[in-house]
């Protein structure tokens, strides 16, 4: 489970960096690398979204780490 947590955090960080670039500089890194809504970019957006939803489970586990 720990490996999945790290993968999710990496994907969430990638998503956060991409959204920061969009907000500050109006630059979408995923679109620049993979094209506008190609199947690869859609998969990346979907994986980042799933990782974000999975990361919500971290809140439930924070209190259980004693």
PDB file of N, CA and C in Angstrom:
ATOM      1  N   UNK A   1       0.826  -1.195   0.000  1.00  0.00           N
ATOM      2  CA  UNK A   1       0.000   0.000   0.000  1.00  0.00           C
ATOM      3  C   UNK A   1       0.870   1.259   0.000  1.00  0.00           C
ATOM      4  N   UNK A   2       2.042   1.172   0.621  1.00  0.00           N
ATOM      5  CA  UNK A   2       2.897   2.344   0.691  1.00  0.00           C
ATOM      6  C   UNK A   2       3.374   2.782  -0.693  1.00  0.00           C
ATOM      7  N   UNK A   3       3.657   1.834  -1.569  1.00  0.00           N
ATOM      8  CA  UNK A   3       4.087   2.170  -2.931  1.00  0.00           C
ATOM      9  C   UNK A   3       2.979   2.912  -3.665  1.00  0.00           C
ATOM     10  N   UNK A   4       1.755   2.448  -3.511  1.00  0.00           N
ATOM     11  CA  UNK A   4       0.612   3.108  -4.151  1.00  0.00           C
ATOM     12  C   UNK A   4       0.447   4.526  -3.611  1.00  0.00           C
ATOM     13  N   UNK A   5       0.689   4.705  -2.321  1.00  0.00           N
ATOM     14  CA  UNK A   5       0.607   6.044  -1.729  1.00  0.00           C
ATOM     15  C   UNK A   5       1.630   6.981  -2.358  1.00  0.00           C
ATOM     16  N   UNK A   6       2.864   6.504  -2.541  1.00  0.00           N
ATOM     17  CA  UNK A   6       3.902   7.334  -3.151  1.00  0.00           C
ATOM     18  C   UNK A   6       3.578   7.666  -4.601  1.00  0.00           C
ATOM     19  N   UNK A   7       3.072   6.701  -5.343  1.00  0.00           N
ATOM     20  CA  UNK A   7       2.685   6.957  -6.735  1.00  0.00           C
ATOM     21  C   UNK A   7       1.582   8.000  -6.785  1.00  0.00           C
ATOM     22  N   UNK A   8       0.599   7.870  -5.897  1.00  0.00           N
ATOM     23  CA  UNK A   8      -0.497   8.839  -5.855  1.00  0.00           C
ATOM     24  C   UNK A   8       0.022  10.228  -5.521  1.00  0.00           C
ATOM     25  N   UNK A   9       0.933  10.315  -4.544  1.00  0.00           N
ATOM     26  CA  UNK A   9       1.478  11.629  -4.188  1.00  0.00           C
ATOM     27  C   UNK A   9       2.278  12.250  -5.322  1.00  0.00           C
ATOM     28  N   UNK A  10       3.022  11.440  -6.043  1.00  0.00           N
ATOM     29  CA  UNK A  10       3.775  11.952  -7.188  1.00  0.00           C
ATOM     30  C   UNK A  10       2.821  12.494  -8.253  1.00  0.00           C
ATOM     31  N   UNK A  11       1.766  11.740  -8.547  1.00  0.00           N
ATOM     32  CA  UNK A  11       0.806  12.193  -9.554  1.00  0.00           C
ATOM     33  C   UNK A  11       0.072  13.449  -9.103  1.00  0.00           C
ATOM     34  N   UNK A  12      -0.260  13.524  -7.825  1.00  0.00           N
ATOM     35  CA  UNK A  12      -0.927  14.728  -7.310  1.00  0.00           C
ATOM     36  C   UNK A  12       0.025  15.924  -7.395  1.00  0.00           C
ATOM     37  N   UNK A  13       1.298  15.710  -7.100  1.00  0.00           N
ATOM     38  CA  UNK A  13       2.278  16.802  -7.212  1.00  0.00           C
ATOM     39  C   UNK A  13       2.416  17.264  -8.658  1.00  0.00           C
ATOM     40  N   UNK A  14       2.441  16.321  -9.596  1.00  0.00           N
ATOM     41  CA  UNK A  14       2.497  16.683 -11.016  1.00  0.00           C
ATOM     42  C   UNK A  14       1.276  17.512 -11.396  1.00  0.00           C
ATOM     43  N   UNK A  15       0.110  17.089 -10.932  1.00  0.00           N
ATOM     44  CA  UNK A  15      -1.109  17.843 -11.208  1.00  0.00           C
ATOM     45  C   UNK A  15      -1.073  19.232 -10.598  1.00  0.00           C
ATOM     46  N   UNK A  16      -0.544  19.331  -9.369  1.00  0.00           N
ATOM     47  CA  UNK A  16      -0.467  20.627  -8.703  1.00  0.00           C
ATOM     48  C   UNK A  16       0.496  21.559  -9.440  1.00  0.00           C
ATOM     49  N   UNK A  17       1.618  21.016  -9.874  1.00  0.00           N
ATOM     50  CA  UNK A  17       2.574  21.831 -10.639  1.00  0.00           C
ATOM     51  C   UNK A  17       1.938  22.303 -11.939  1.00  0.00           C
ATOM     52  N   UNK A  18       1.231  21.403 -12.623  1.00  0.00           N
ATOM     53  CA  UNK A  18       0.581  21.774 -13.880  1.00  0.00           C
ATOM     54  C   UNK A  18      -0.464  22.867 -13.640  1.00  0.00           C
ATOM     55  N   UNK A  19      -1.280  22.723 -12.589  1.00  0.00           N
ATOM     56  CA  UNK A  19      -2.287  23.749 -12.300  1.00  0.00           C
ATOM     57  C   UNK A  19      -1.638  25.063 -11.885  1.00  0.00           C
ATOM     58  N   UNK A  20      -0.511  24.995 -11.184  1.00  0.00           N
ATOM     59  CA  UNK A  20       0.210  26.222 -10.849  1.00  0.00           C
ATOM     60  C   UNK A  20       0.718  26.931 -12.087  1.00  0.00           C
ATOM     61  N   UNK A  21       1.249  26.153 -13.030  1.00  0.00           N
ATOM     62  CA  UNK A  21       1.709  26.745 -14.294  1.00  0.00           C
ATOM     63  C   UNK A  21       0.553  27.370 -15.068  1.00  0.00           C
ATOM     64  N   UNK A  22      -0.597  26.711 -15.047  1.00  0.00           N
ATOM     65  CA  UNK A  22      -1.770  27.259 -15.730  1.00  0.00           C
ATOM     66  C   UNK A  22      -2.201  28.561 -15.059  1.00  0.00           C
ATOM     67  N   UNK A  23      -2.251  28.557 -13.732  1.00  0.00           N
ATOM     68  CA  UNK A  23      -2.714  29.735 -13.000  1.00  0.00           C
ATOM     69  C   UNK A  23      -1.774  30.920 -13.095  1.00  0.00           C
ATOM     70  N   UNK A  24      -0.478  30.665 -12.968  1.00  0.00           N
ATOM     71  CA  UNK A  24       0.475  31.766 -12.958  1.00  0.00           C
ATOM     72  C   UNK A  24       0.899  32.226 -14.350  1.00  0.00           C
ATOM     73  N   UNK A  25       1.036  31.284 -15.258  1.00  0.00           N
ATOM     74  CA  UNK A  25       1.631  31.621 -16.559  1.00  0.00           C
ATOM     75  C   UNK A  25       0.754  31.281 -17.763  1.00  0.00           C
ATOM     76  N   UNK A  26      -0.448  30.756 -17.523  1.00  0.00           N
ATOM     77  CA  UNK A  26      -1.344  30.332 -18.596  1.00  0.00           C
ATOM     78  C   UNK A  26      -0.633  29.338 -19.522  1.00  0.00           C
ATOM     79  N   UNK A  27       0.097  28.397 -18.905  1.00  0.00           N
ATOM     80  CA  UNK A  27       0.862  27.407 -19.650  1.00  0.00           C
ATOM     81  C   UNK A  27       0.502  26.021 -19.148  1.00  0.00           C
ATOM     82  N   UNK A  28      -0.082  25.204 -20.011  1.00  0.00           N
ATOM     83  CA  UNK A  28      -0.454  23.832 -19.674  1.00  0.00           C
ATOM     84  C   UNK A  28       0.659  22.905 -20.142  1.00  0.00           C
ATOM     85  N   UNK A  29       1.435  22.397 -19.196  1.00  0.00           N
ATOM     86  CA  UNK A  29       2.595  21.562 -19.510  1.00  0.00           C
ATOM     87  C   UNK A  29       2.190  20.257 -20.186  1.00  0.00           C
ATOM     88  N   UNK A  30       1.120  19.642 -19.734  1.00  0.00           N
ATOM     89  CA  UNK A  30       0.659  18.384 -20.343  1.00  0.00           C
ATOM     90  C   UNK A  30       0.272  18.619 -21.795  1.00  0.00           C
ATOM     91  N   UNK A  31      -0.441  19.690 -22.047  1.00  0.00           N
ATOM     92  CA  UNK A  31      -0.842  20.012 -23.422  1.00  0.00           C
ATOM     93  C   UNK A  31       0.373  20.326 -24.287  1.00  0.00           C
ATOM     94  N   UNK A  32       1.358  21.005 -23.703  1.00  0.00           N
ATOM     95  CA  UNK A  32       2.550  21.357 -24.466  1.00  0.00           C
ATOM     96  C   UNK A  32       3.358  20.114 -24.846  1.00  0.00           C
ATOM     97  N   UNK A  33       3.392  19.123 -23.962  1.00  0.00           N
ATOM     98  CA  UNK A  33       4.180  17.919 -24.235  1.00  0.00           C
ATOM     99  C   UNK A  33       3.421  16.925 -25.104  1.00  0.00           C
ATOM    100  N   UNK A  34       2.152  16.681 -24.792  1.00  0.00           N
ATOM    101  CA  UNK A  34       1.413  15.595 -25.429  1.00  0.00           C
ATOM    102  C   UNK A  34       0.347  16.042 -26.409  1.00  0.00           C
ATOM    103  N   UNK A  35       0.111  17.329 -26.526  1.00  0.00           N
ATOM    104  CA  UNK A  35      -0.909  17.817 -27.450  1.00  0.00           C
ATOM    105  C   UNK A  35      -2.223  18.062 -26.744  1.00  0.00           C
ATOM    106  N   UNK A  36      -3.088  18.795 -27.431  1.00  0.00           N
ATOM    107  CA  UNK A  36      -4.367  19.173 -26.831  1.00  0.00           C
ATOM    108  C   UNK A  36      -5.360  18.030 -26.905  1.00  0.00           C
ATOM    109  N   UNK A  37      -5.644  17.449 -25.785  1.00  0.00           N
ATOM    110  CA  UNK A  37      -6.616  16.370 -25.594  1.00  0.00           C
ATOM    111  C   UNK A  37      -6.383  15.179 -26.520  1.00  0.00           C
ATOM    112  N   UNK A  38      -5.137  14.789 -26.649  1.00  0.00           N
ATOM    113  CA  UNK A  38      -4.840  13.519 -27.306  1.00  0.00           C
ATOM    114  C   UNK A  38      -5.176  12.411 -26.319  1.00  0.00           C
ATOM    115  N   UNK A  39      -5.157  11.181 -26.768  1.00  0.00           N
ATOM    116  CA  UNK A  39      -5.506  10.086 -25.861  1.00  0.00           C
ATOM    117  C   UNK A  39      -4.483   9.968 -24.734  1.00  0.00           C
ATOM    118  N   UNK A  40      -3.215  10.323 -25.003  1.00  0.00           N
ATOM    119  CA  UNK A  40      -2.194  10.263 -23.952  1.00  0.00           C
ATOM    120  C   UNK A  40      -2.454  11.340 -22.897  1.00  0.00           C
ATOM    121  N   UNK A  41      -2.754  12.547 -23.327  1.00  0.00           N
ATOM    122  CA  UNK A  41      -3.008  13.611 -22.358  1.00  0.00           C
ATOM    123  C   UNK A  41      -4.274  13.329 -21.556  1.00  0.00           C
ATOM    124  N   UNK A  42      -5.275  12.740 -22.176  1.00  0.00           N
ATOM    125  CA  UNK A  42      -6.498  12.386 -21.450  1.00  0.00           C
ATOM    126  C   UNK A  42      -6.214  11.328 -20.393  1.00  0.00           C
ATOM    127  N   UNK A  43      -5.347  10.371 -20.706  1.00  0.00           N
ATOM    128  CA  UNK A  43      -4.970   9.353 -19.726  1.00  0.00           C
ATOM    129  C   UNK A  43      -4.219   9.997 -18.565  1.00  0.00           C
ATOM    130  N   UNK A  44      -3.321  10.921 -18.861  1.00  0.00           N
ATOM    131  CA  UNK A  44      -2.573  11.598 -17.798  1.00  0.00           C
ATOM    132  C   UNK A  44      -3.516  12.391 -16.901  1.00  0.00           C
ATOM    133  N   UNK A  45      -4.427  13.150 -17.499  1.00  0.00           N
ATOM    134  CA  UNK A  45      -5.396  13.900 -16.698  1.00  0.00           C
ATOM    135  C   UNK A  45      -6.245  12.945 -15.846  1.00  0.00           C
ATOM    136  N   UNK A  46      -6.651  11.826 -16.412  1.00  0.00           N
ATOM    137  CA  UNK A  46      -7.466  10.858 -15.675  1.00  0.00           C
ATOM    138  C   UNK A  46      -6.685  10.246 -14.515  1.00  0.00           C
ATOM    139  N   UNK A  47      -5.425   9.890 -14.744  1.00  0.00           N
ATOM    140  CA  UNK A  47      -4.606   9.311 -13.675  1.00  0.00           C
ATOM    141  C   UNK A  47      -4.367  10.313 -12.549  1.00  0.00           C
ATOM    142  N   UNK A  48      -4.135  11.560 -12.901  1.00  0.00           N
ATOM    143  CA  UNK A  48      -3.951  12.588 -11.872  1.00  0.00           C
ATOM    144  C   UNK A  48      -5.245  12.770 -11.081  1.00  0.00           C
ATOM    145  N   UNK A  49      -6.372  12.748 -11.754  1.00  0.00           N
ATOM    146  CA  UNK A  49      -7.660  12.865 -11.063  1.00  0.00           C
ATOM    147  C   UNK A  49      -7.932  11.698 -10.136  1.00  0.00           C
ATOM    148  N   UNK A  50      -7.649  10.489 -10.589  1.00  0.00           N
ATOM    149  CA  UNK A  50      -7.831   9.299  -9.750  1.00  0.00           C
ATOM    150  C   UNK A  50      -6.889   9.354  -8.552  1.00  0.00           C
ATOM    151  N   UNK A  51      -5.653   9.792  -8.781  1.00  0.00           N
ATOM    152  CA  UNK A  51      -4.695   9.916  -7.679  1.00  0.00           C
ATOM    153  C   UNK A  51      -5.170  10.949  -6.658  1.00  0.00           C
ATOM    154  N   UNK A  52      -5.778  12.016  -7.130  1.00  0.00           N
ATOM    155  CA  UNK A  52      -6.322  13.016  -6.209  1.00  0.00           C
ATOM    156  C   UNK A  52      -7.441  12.454  -5.364  1.00  0.00           C
ATOM    157  N   UNK A  53      -8.315  11.691  -5.983  1.00  0.00           N
ATOM    158  CA  UNK A  53      -9.396  11.057  -5.219  1.00  0.00           C
ATOM    159  C   UNK A  53      -8.847  10.037  -4.237  1.00  0.00           C
ATOM    160  N   UNK A  54      -7.869   9.251  -4.666  1.00  0.00           N
ATOM    161  CA  UNK A  54      -7.250   8.269  -3.777  1.00  0.00           C
ATOM    162  C   UNK A  54      -6.559   8.963  -2.600  1.00  0.00           C
ATOM    163  N   UNK A  55      -5.961  10.114  -2.854  1.00  0.00           N
ATOM    164  CA  UNK A  55      -5.245  10.837  -1.803  1.00  0.00           C
ATOM    165  C   UNK A  55      -6.182  11.334  -0.706  1.00  0.00           C
ATOM    166  N   UNK A  56      -7.457  11.440  -0.988  1.00  0.00           N
ATOM    167  CA  UNK A  56      -8.409  11.807   0.055  1.00  0.00           C
ATOM    168  C   UNK A  56      -8.435  10.767   1.174  1.00  0.00           C
ATOM    169  N   UNK A  57      -8.068   9.533   0.850  1.00  0.00           N
ATOM    170  CA  UNK A  57      -8.044   8.494   1.887  1.00  0.00           C
ATOM    171  C   UNK A  57      -6.934   8.724   2.901  1.00  0.00           C
ATOM    172  N   UNK A  58      -5.957   9.574   2.578  1.00  0.00           N
ATOM    173  CA  UNK A  58      -4.885   9.879   3.523  1.00  0.00           C
ATOM    174  C   UNK A  58      -5.442  10.533   4.780  1.00  0.00           C
ATOM    175  N   UNK A  59      -6.491  11.331   4.640  1.00  0.00           N
ATOM    176  CA  UNK A  59      -7.083  11.991   5.794  1.00  0.00           C
ATOM    177  C   UNK A  59      -7.602  10.978   6.814  1.00  0.00           C
ATOM    178  N   UNK A  60      -8.197   9.908   6.339  1.00  0.00           N
ATOM    179  CA  UNK A  60      -8.711   8.887   7.238  1.00  0.00           C
ATOM    180  C   UNK A  60      -7.607   8.094   7.912  1.00  0.00           C
ATOM    181  N   UNK A  61      -6.463   8.023   7.273  1.00  0.00           N
ATOM    182  CA  UNK A  61      -5.356   7.243   7.822  1.00  0.00           C
ATOM    183  C   UNK A  61      -4.422   8.059   8.703  1.00  0.00           C
ATOM    184  N   UNK A  62      -4.543   9.382   8.695  1.00  0.00           N
ATOM    185  CA  UNK A  62      -3.637  10.220   9.484  1.00  0.00           C
ATOM    186  C   UNK A  62      -3.740   9.928  10.976  1.00  0.00           C
ATOM    187  N   UNK A  63      -4.926   9.745  11.474  1.00  0.00           N
ATOM    188  CA  UNK A  63      -5.119   9.494  12.902  1.00  0.00           C
ATOM    189  C   UNK A  63      -4.762   8.096  13.321  1.00  0.00           C
ATOM    190  N   UNK A  64      -4.622   7.172  12.375  1.00  0.00           N
ATOM    191  CA  UNK A  64      -4.352   5.773  12.677  1.00  0.00           C
ATOM    192  C   UNK A  64      -2.883   5.429  12.681  1.00  0.00           C
ATOM    193  N   UNK A  65      -1.983   6.386  12.536  1.00  0.00           N
ATOM    194  CA  UNK A  65      -0.556   6.112  12.421  1.00  0.00           C
ATOM    195  C   UNK A  65       0.175   6.136  13.751  1.00  0.00           C
ATOM    196  N   UNK A  66      -0.506   6.147  14.871  1.00  0.00           N
ATOM    197  CA  UNK A  66       0.154   6.205  16.188  1.00  0.00           C
ATOM    198  C   UNK A  66       0.891   4.967  16.509  1.00  0.00           C
TER     199      UNK A  66
END
